[in-house]
N, C-alpha and C. Protein backbone atom coordinates (compact mmCIF):
# COMPACT_ATOMS: atom_id res chain seq x y z
N MET A 1 21.19 -28.84 47.38
CA MET A 1 20.43 -29.29 48.42
C MET A 1 20.64 -28.03 48.74
N LYS A 2 19.46 -27.78 49.28
CA LYS A 2 19.39 -26.40 49.66
C LYS A 2 20.02 -26.44 50.96
N ASN A 3 20.66 -25.28 52.11
CA ASN A 3 21.01 -25.09 53.65
C ASN A 3 19.73 -24.86 54.60
N ARG A 4 19.85 -24.93 55.70
CA ARG A 4 18.60 -25.17 56.35
C ARG A 4 18.38 -23.79 56.56
N SER A 5 18.33 -22.27 56.04
CA SER A 5 18.37 -21.36 55.88
C SER A 5 17.11 -20.97 54.91
N GLU A 6 17.48 -22.10 54.05
CA GLU A 6 16.63 -21.56 52.71
C GLU A 6 15.39 -22.63 53.07
N LEU A 7 15.63 -23.60 53.39
CA LEU A 7 14.39 -24.24 53.94
C LEU A 7 13.81 -23.83 55.04
N ARG A 8 14.00 -22.86 56.13
CA ARG A 8 12.78 -22.52 56.98
C ARG A 8 12.73 -21.52 55.96
N ASP A 9 13.32 -21.01 55.19
CA ASP A 9 11.91 -20.18 54.17
C ASP A 9 10.76 -20.56 53.54
N ILE A 10 11.29 -22.03 53.43
CA ILE A 10 9.90 -23.11 52.38
C ILE A 10 9.20 -23.55 53.38
N ILE A 11 9.72 -23.40 54.82
CA ILE A 11 8.54 -24.33 55.36
C ILE A 11 8.15 -23.08 56.05
N ILE A 12 8.26 -21.44 56.37
CA ILE A 12 7.35 -20.37 56.19
C ILE A 12 6.31 -20.61 55.28
N LYS A 13 6.88 -20.67 53.82
CA LYS A 13 5.85 -20.87 53.08
C LYS A 13 4.62 -21.99 52.78
N ILE A 14 5.23 -22.85 53.37
CA ILE A 14 4.40 -23.66 53.28
C ILE A 14 3.52 -23.59 54.45
N LEU A 15 4.34 -23.62 56.06
CA LEU A 15 2.92 -22.74 56.99
C LEU A 15 1.99 -21.76 56.16
N TYR A 16 2.31 -20.69 56.06
CA TYR A 16 1.62 -19.49 55.26
C TYR A 16 0.29 -20.33 54.25
N GLN A 17 0.20 -21.14 53.69
CA GLN A 17 -0.08 -21.68 52.25
C GLN A 17 -1.15 -22.61 53.86
N VAL A 18 -1.08 -23.72 54.16
CA VAL A 18 -1.42 -24.06 55.31
C VAL A 18 -2.57 -23.19 55.85
N ASN A 19 -1.88 -22.14 56.46
CA ASN A 19 -3.35 -21.20 57.14
C ASN A 19 -3.71 -20.63 56.48
N ILE A 20 -3.97 -20.04 55.47
CA ILE A 20 -4.53 -19.79 54.41
C ILE A 20 -6.05 -20.47 53.88
N TYR A 21 -5.43 -21.76 53.46
CA TYR A 21 -6.70 -22.58 53.14
C TYR A 21 -7.04 -22.72 54.80
N LYS A 22 -6.44 -23.05 56.35
CA LYS A 22 -7.62 -23.43 57.17
C LYS A 22 -8.79 -22.38 57.37
N ASP A 23 -8.18 -21.24 57.10
CA ASP A 23 -8.96 -19.95 57.18
C ASP A 23 -9.99 -20.00 56.46
N SER A 24 -9.87 -20.18 55.34
CA SER A 24 -11.12 -20.18 53.42
C SER A 24 -11.17 -21.27 53.64
N ASN A 25 -11.65 -22.19 54.72
CA ASN A 25 -11.94 -23.71 54.58
C ASN A 25 -12.19 -24.09 53.56
N VAL A 26 -10.89 -24.12 52.96
CA VAL A 26 -10.21 -24.93 51.79
C VAL A 26 -9.47 -26.17 52.26
N SER A 27 -10.30 -27.37 50.88
CA SER A 27 -9.46 -28.38 51.80
C SER A 27 -7.96 -28.60 51.26
N TYR A 28 -6.88 -29.21 51.51
CA TYR A 28 -5.32 -29.56 50.91
C TYR A 28 -5.12 -30.76 51.44
N ASP A 29 -3.92 -30.95 51.27
CA ASP A 29 -3.10 -32.34 51.49
C ASP A 29 -1.68 -31.80 51.16
N LEU A 30 -1.64 -32.03 52.62
CA LEU A 30 -0.15 -31.62 53.55
C LEU A 30 0.99 -31.74 52.46
N ASP A 31 0.50 -33.02 52.42
CA ASP A 31 2.04 -33.59 51.20
C ASP A 31 1.74 -33.01 49.87
N GLY A 32 0.60 -32.65 49.72
CA GLY A 32 0.95 -32.27 47.99
C GLY A 32 1.47 -30.34 48.08
N VAL A 33 0.96 -29.78 49.56
CA VAL A 33 1.07 -28.55 49.55
C VAL A 33 3.36 -28.77 49.75
N ILE A 34 3.44 -29.66 50.43
CA ILE A 34 5.13 -29.50 51.00
C ILE A 34 5.70 -29.83 49.30
N LYS A 35 5.14 -30.54 49.04
CA LYS A 35 5.67 -31.04 47.07
C LYS A 35 5.86 -29.91 46.01
N GLU A 36 4.71 -28.91 46.31
CA GLU A 36 4.79 -27.80 46.03
C GLU A 36 5.73 -27.29 45.17
N GLN A 37 6.82 -27.16 47.17
CA GLN A 37 7.55 -25.80 47.44
C GLN A 37 8.75 -26.58 47.43
N LEU A 38 9.15 -27.73 47.69
CA LEU A 38 10.04 -28.85 47.96
C LEU A 38 10.38 -29.97 46.92
N GLU A 39 11.21 -30.18 46.04
CA GLU A 39 11.48 -30.73 45.01
C GLU A 39 11.67 -32.53 45.35
N ILE A 40 12.32 -32.10 46.76
CA ILE A 40 12.51 -33.72 47.05
C ILE A 40 11.76 -33.49 48.49
N ASP A 41 11.62 -35.07 49.22
CA ASP A 41 11.15 -34.43 50.30
C ASP A 41 12.52 -34.11 51.63
N ASN A 42 11.81 -33.62 52.51
CA ASN A 42 13.12 -32.96 53.80
C ASN A 42 12.90 -33.55 54.85
N ASN A 43 13.42 -34.24 55.27
CA ASN A 43 13.24 -34.47 56.43
C ASN A 43 12.47 -33.86 58.11
N PHE A 44 13.81 -32.56 57.33
CA PHE A 44 14.37 -31.02 58.54
C PHE A 44 12.97 -30.31 58.26
N VAL A 45 12.39 -30.59 56.88
CA VAL A 45 10.86 -29.76 56.82
C VAL A 45 9.99 -30.12 57.56
N ARG A 46 9.85 -31.49 57.08
CA ARG A 46 8.61 -32.32 57.59
C ARG A 46 8.56 -32.48 59.08
N GLU A 47 9.95 -32.19 59.92
CA GLU A 47 10.29 -32.46 61.02
C GLU A 47 9.44 -31.29 62.14
N SER A 48 10.25 -29.87 61.28
CA SER A 48 9.01 -28.95 61.78
C SER A 48 7.96 -28.41 61.45
N ILE A 49 7.14 -28.83 60.47
CA ILE A 49 6.14 -29.18 59.74
C ILE A 49 5.00 -29.86 60.74
N ASP A 50 5.73 -30.83 61.26
CA ASP A 50 4.53 -31.21 61.45
C ASP A 50 4.90 -31.09 63.47
N GLY A 51 6.13 -30.79 64.13
CA GLY A 51 6.60 -30.06 65.16
C GLY A 51 5.36 -28.48 65.06
N VAL A 52 5.63 -27.81 64.28
CA VAL A 52 4.46 -26.70 64.41
C VAL A 52 3.44 -27.08 64.46
N PHE A 53 2.85 -27.93 64.00
CA PHE A 53 1.30 -28.58 63.76
C PHE A 53 0.50 -28.87 65.38
N SER A 54 1.81 -29.94 65.28
CA SER A 54 1.47 -30.79 67.03
C SER A 54 1.64 -29.78 68.24
N HIS A 55 2.52 -28.41 68.02
CA HIS A 55 2.72 -27.26 69.11
C HIS A 55 1.43 -26.71 69.17
N GLN A 56 1.22 -26.60 68.03
CA GLN A 56 0.72 -24.70 67.77
C GLN A 56 -0.66 -24.40 69.02
N ASP A 57 -1.48 -25.08 69.80
CA ASP A 57 -2.14 -24.29 70.82
C ASP A 57 -1.21 -23.81 71.65
N GLU A 58 0.33 -25.02 72.00
CA GLU A 58 1.09 -24.35 73.01
C GLU A 58 2.07 -22.39 72.13
N ILE A 59 2.30 -23.32 70.91
CA ILE A 59 3.39 -21.75 70.34
C ILE A 59 1.85 -20.51 70.58
N ILE A 60 0.63 -21.13 70.33
CA ILE A 60 -0.20 -19.50 70.46
C ILE A 60 -0.17 -18.94 71.96
N SER A 61 -0.20 -20.21 72.93
CA SER A 61 -0.52 -19.59 74.30
C SER A 61 1.11 -18.90 74.09
N LEU A 62 2.48 -19.96 74.13
CA LEU A 62 3.22 -18.87 74.40
C LEU A 62 3.43 -17.02 73.79
N SER A 63 2.99 -17.44 72.48
CA SER A 63 3.21 -16.18 71.57
C SER A 63 2.50 -14.85 72.22
N ASN A 64 1.11 -15.38 72.61
CA ASN A 64 -0.07 -14.51 73.60
C ASN A 64 0.70 -13.56 74.86
N LYS A 65 0.88 -15.16 75.44
CA LYS A 65 1.84 -14.81 76.79
C LYS A 65 2.83 -13.82 77.01
N TYR A 66 3.33 -13.12 75.62
CA TYR A 66 4.91 -12.30 75.56
C TYR A 66 4.99 -11.32 74.38
N LEU A 67 3.51 -10.97 73.79
CA LEU A 67 3.46 -10.34 72.77
C LEU A 67 2.68 -9.00 73.79
N LYS A 68 2.87 -7.82 73.15
CA LYS A 68 2.18 -6.30 74.15
C LYS A 68 1.53 -5.97 73.35
N ASN A 69 0.25 -5.65 73.52
CA ASN A 69 -0.41 -4.94 73.23
C ASN A 69 -1.14 -5.41 71.74
N TRP A 70 -1.39 -7.53 71.01
CA TRP A 70 -0.99 -7.58 70.81
C TRP A 70 -1.61 -8.77 70.86
N ASP A 71 -2.49 -9.54 69.57
CA ASP A 71 -2.77 -10.87 70.16
C ASP A 71 -2.50 -12.11 68.98
N TYR A 72 -1.94 -13.11 68.58
CA TYR A 72 -1.25 -14.31 67.80
C TYR A 72 -2.27 -14.19 66.75
N SER A 73 -3.49 -14.13 67.18
CA SER A 73 -4.73 -13.87 65.86
C SER A 73 -4.45 -12.70 64.97
N ARG A 74 -4.09 -11.58 65.14
CA ARG A 74 -4.10 -10.41 64.59
C ARG A 74 -2.95 -10.50 63.50
N LEU A 75 -1.98 -11.17 64.01
CA LEU A 75 -0.85 -10.78 62.88
C LEU A 75 -0.61 -11.44 61.98
N SER A 76 -0.36 -11.12 60.79
CA SER A 76 -0.17 -11.87 59.44
C SER A 76 0.34 -12.52 59.65
N LYS A 77 -0.76 -13.75 58.22
CA LYS A 77 -0.02 -15.07 58.47
C LYS A 77 1.39 -15.26 57.67
N VAL A 78 1.85 -14.89 57.60
CA VAL A 78 3.45 -14.94 57.34
C VAL A 78 4.38 -14.83 58.91
N ASP A 79 3.66 -13.72 59.43
CA ASP A 79 4.11 -13.53 60.72
C ASP A 79 4.16 -14.19 61.64
N GLN A 80 3.00 -15.12 61.42
CA GLN A 80 2.85 -16.03 62.49
C GLN A 80 3.14 -17.69 62.32
N ALA A 81 3.48 -17.61 60.92
CA ALA A 81 4.80 -18.48 60.53
C ALA A 81 5.75 -18.35 60.73
N ILE A 82 6.37 -16.99 60.84
CA ILE A 82 7.79 -16.75 60.97
C ILE A 82 7.37 -17.14 62.57
N LEU A 83 6.60 -16.50 63.40
CA LEU A 83 7.07 -16.91 65.44
C LEU A 83 6.58 -18.31 65.29
N SER A 84 5.66 -19.10 64.55
CA SER A 84 5.46 -20.45 64.79
C SER A 84 6.64 -21.44 64.74
N LEU A 85 7.48 -21.14 63.66
CA LEU A 85 8.32 -21.81 63.76
C LEU A 85 9.39 -21.73 64.36
N ALA A 86 9.87 -20.80 65.08
CA ALA A 86 10.46 -20.04 65.67
C ALA A 86 10.65 -20.32 67.05
N ILE A 87 9.30 -20.36 67.05
CA ILE A 87 8.89 -21.27 69.10
C ILE A 87 8.68 -22.64 68.62
N TYR A 88 8.71 -23.14 67.81
CA TYR A 88 8.71 -24.56 67.78
C TYR A 88 10.35 -24.85 68.30
N GLU A 89 11.00 -24.20 67.50
CA GLU A 89 12.57 -24.83 67.56
C GLU A 89 13.08 -23.85 69.25
N LEU A 90 13.03 -23.45 69.19
CA LEU A 90 13.09 -22.95 70.62
C LEU A 90 12.46 -23.45 71.47
N MET A 91 11.44 -24.66 71.47
CA MET A 91 11.10 -25.01 72.60
C MET A 91 11.30 -26.52 72.18
N TRP A 92 10.77 -26.93 71.24
CA TRP A 92 10.75 -28.37 71.10
C TRP A 92 11.45 -29.36 70.00
N SER A 93 13.15 -28.55 69.70
CA SER A 93 13.79 -29.03 68.42
C SER A 93 14.89 -29.08 68.78
N ASP A 94 16.10 -29.37 68.39
CA ASP A 94 17.59 -29.74 69.40
C ASP A 94 18.67 -28.65 67.90
N VAL A 95 17.84 -27.11 67.35
CA VAL A 95 18.12 -26.43 67.03
C VAL A 95 18.46 -25.68 68.43
N PRO A 96 19.92 -24.98 68.23
CA PRO A 96 20.62 -23.73 68.80
C PRO A 96 19.69 -22.85 69.29
N SER A 97 19.38 -22.27 69.91
CA SER A 97 18.07 -21.38 70.49
C SER A 97 18.78 -19.87 70.02
N LEU A 98 19.83 -19.67 70.07
CA LEU A 98 20.37 -18.48 69.24
C LEU A 98 20.27 -18.73 67.87
N VAL A 99 20.52 -19.81 67.50
CA VAL A 99 20.14 -19.90 65.74
C VAL A 99 18.89 -20.10 65.23
N ALA A 100 17.43 -20.64 66.16
CA ALA A 100 16.28 -20.42 66.37
C ALA A 100 16.21 -18.87 65.91
N ILE A 101 16.16 -18.14 67.06
CA ILE A 101 16.46 -16.51 67.04
C ILE A 101 16.96 -16.11 65.72
N ASN A 102 17.85 -16.00 65.42
CA ASN A 102 18.21 -15.35 64.76
C ASN A 102 18.23 -15.72 63.59
N GLU A 103 17.32 -16.76 62.71
CA GLU A 103 17.04 -17.36 61.70
C GLU A 103 15.71 -17.05 61.72
N ALA A 104 15.08 -16.96 62.82
CA ALA A 104 13.46 -15.38 62.65
C ALA A 104 13.68 -14.26 62.69
N ILE A 105 14.92 -14.02 62.78
CA ILE A 105 14.50 -12.64 62.27
C ILE A 105 14.81 -12.38 61.18
N GLU A 106 15.60 -13.16 60.69
CA GLU A 106 16.23 -12.47 58.93
C GLU A 106 15.18 -12.61 58.21
N LEU A 107 13.84 -14.45 58.73
CA LEU A 107 12.65 -14.42 58.10
C LEU A 107 12.22 -12.81 57.82
N ALA A 108 12.36 -12.37 59.16
CA ALA A 108 11.26 -11.70 59.46
C ALA A 108 11.61 -9.87 59.05
N LYS A 109 12.47 -10.02 58.72
CA LYS A 109 13.53 -9.03 57.55
C LYS A 109 13.11 -8.78 56.35
N LYS A 110 12.67 -9.94 56.19
CA LYS A 110 12.47 -10.55 54.66
C LYS A 110 11.06 -10.60 53.74
N TYR A 111 10.64 -10.69 55.26
CA TYR A 111 8.87 -10.44 54.68
C TYR A 111 7.98 -9.85 55.73
N SER A 112 8.49 -9.51 56.62
CA SER A 112 7.67 -7.61 57.30
C SER A 112 8.91 -6.64 57.81
N ASP A 113 7.58 -6.04 58.23
CA ASP A 113 8.64 -4.53 58.69
C ASP A 113 9.12 -4.00 59.53
N ASP A 114 10.25 -3.12 59.71
CA ASP A 114 10.71 -3.27 61.01
C ASP A 114 9.51 -3.10 62.13
N PRO A 115 8.75 -2.27 62.33
CA PRO A 115 8.08 -2.53 64.13
C PRO A 115 8.11 -4.66 64.53
N VAL A 116 7.75 -4.84 62.83
CA VAL A 116 7.47 -6.68 62.89
C VAL A 116 8.49 -7.43 63.56
N VAL A 117 9.96 -6.83 62.39
CA VAL A 117 11.19 -7.52 63.19
C VAL A 117 11.51 -7.12 64.79
N LYS A 118 11.13 -5.75 65.54
CA LYS A 118 11.37 -5.89 66.41
C LYS A 118 10.81 -7.05 67.53
N MET A 119 9.40 -6.58 67.20
CA MET A 119 8.57 -7.56 67.76
C MET A 119 8.39 -8.91 67.86
N ILE A 120 8.91 -9.36 67.00
CA ILE A 120 9.18 -10.92 66.57
C ILE A 120 10.70 -11.43 67.68
N ASN A 121 11.77 -10.56 67.78
CA ASN A 121 12.91 -10.20 68.24
C ASN A 121 12.52 -10.56 69.91
N GLY A 122 11.47 -9.01 70.60
CA GLY A 122 11.50 -8.87 72.29
C GLY A 122 10.50 -10.48 72.04
N VAL A 123 9.46 -10.95 71.55
CA VAL A 123 9.06 -12.43 72.13
C VAL A 123 9.69 -13.18 71.97
N LEU A 124 10.54 -13.81 71.10
CA LEU A 124 11.96 -14.56 70.91
C LEU A 124 12.69 -14.64 72.68
N ASP A 125 13.37 -13.20 71.96
CA ASP A 125 14.04 -12.97 73.50
C ASP A 125 13.45 -13.20 75.29
N LYS A 126 12.15 -12.92 75.19
CA LYS A 126 11.44 -13.02 76.46
C LYS A 126 11.29 -14.53 76.85
N ILE A 127 10.91 -15.22 75.25
CA ILE A 127 10.89 -17.11 75.56
C ILE A 127 12.20 -17.74 75.89
N TYR A 128 13.10 -17.62 75.18
CA TYR A 128 14.09 -17.34 75.92
C TYR A 128 14.64 -17.44 76.84
N HIS A 129 14.89 -16.28 77.70
CA HIS A 129 15.15 -15.66 79.09
C HIS A 129 13.78 -16.00 80.00
N GLU A 130 13.04 -16.29 79.83
CA GLU A 130 12.04 -16.69 80.81
C GLU A 130 11.42 -18.32 80.65
N GLU A 131 10.91 -18.57 80.04
CA GLU A 131 11.05 -20.15 79.13
C GLU A 131 11.60 -21.18 79.49
N LEU A 132 13.04 -21.06 78.87
CA LEU A 132 13.85 -21.88 79.02
C LEU A 132 14.62 -21.86 79.80
N LYS A 133 15.04 -21.29 80.90
CA LYS A 133 15.80 -20.88 82.00
C LYS A 133 14.89 -22.53 83.16
N GLU A 134 13.87 -22.79 82.67
CA GLU A 134 13.10 -23.25 83.48
C GLU A 134 13.12 -24.60 82.88
N LYS A 135 14.01 -24.95 81.75
CA LYS A 135 14.03 -26.49 81.32
C LYS A 135 15.11 -26.96 81.52
């Protein structure tokens, strides 16, 4: 059984792959994409992916609100996936906020360069302090 950090890595890969398919106008079966990455169906993975897709417009809006000199659409597909999962976890899941932020930073360190890690950290920190205090 994979731990949640490993599952988040898989979620990022699934989100990335689906984003590539969407941008290329390639039809896909989400269940098939998930099965390619995950040998056993997992509720955490399924709920996270469904949550990201159901809140995608709000996630993009929040990202753009706190990105400086950037726009969500200009981020790489992998950076979009990392930021989307983290914002979903911060805003709409029961994952503790600091865990969501830390996991996103670790994924960014694995898949992105240092300036992007800092950018993702900054966006998530602002969401944490400015959006979650209102909840």
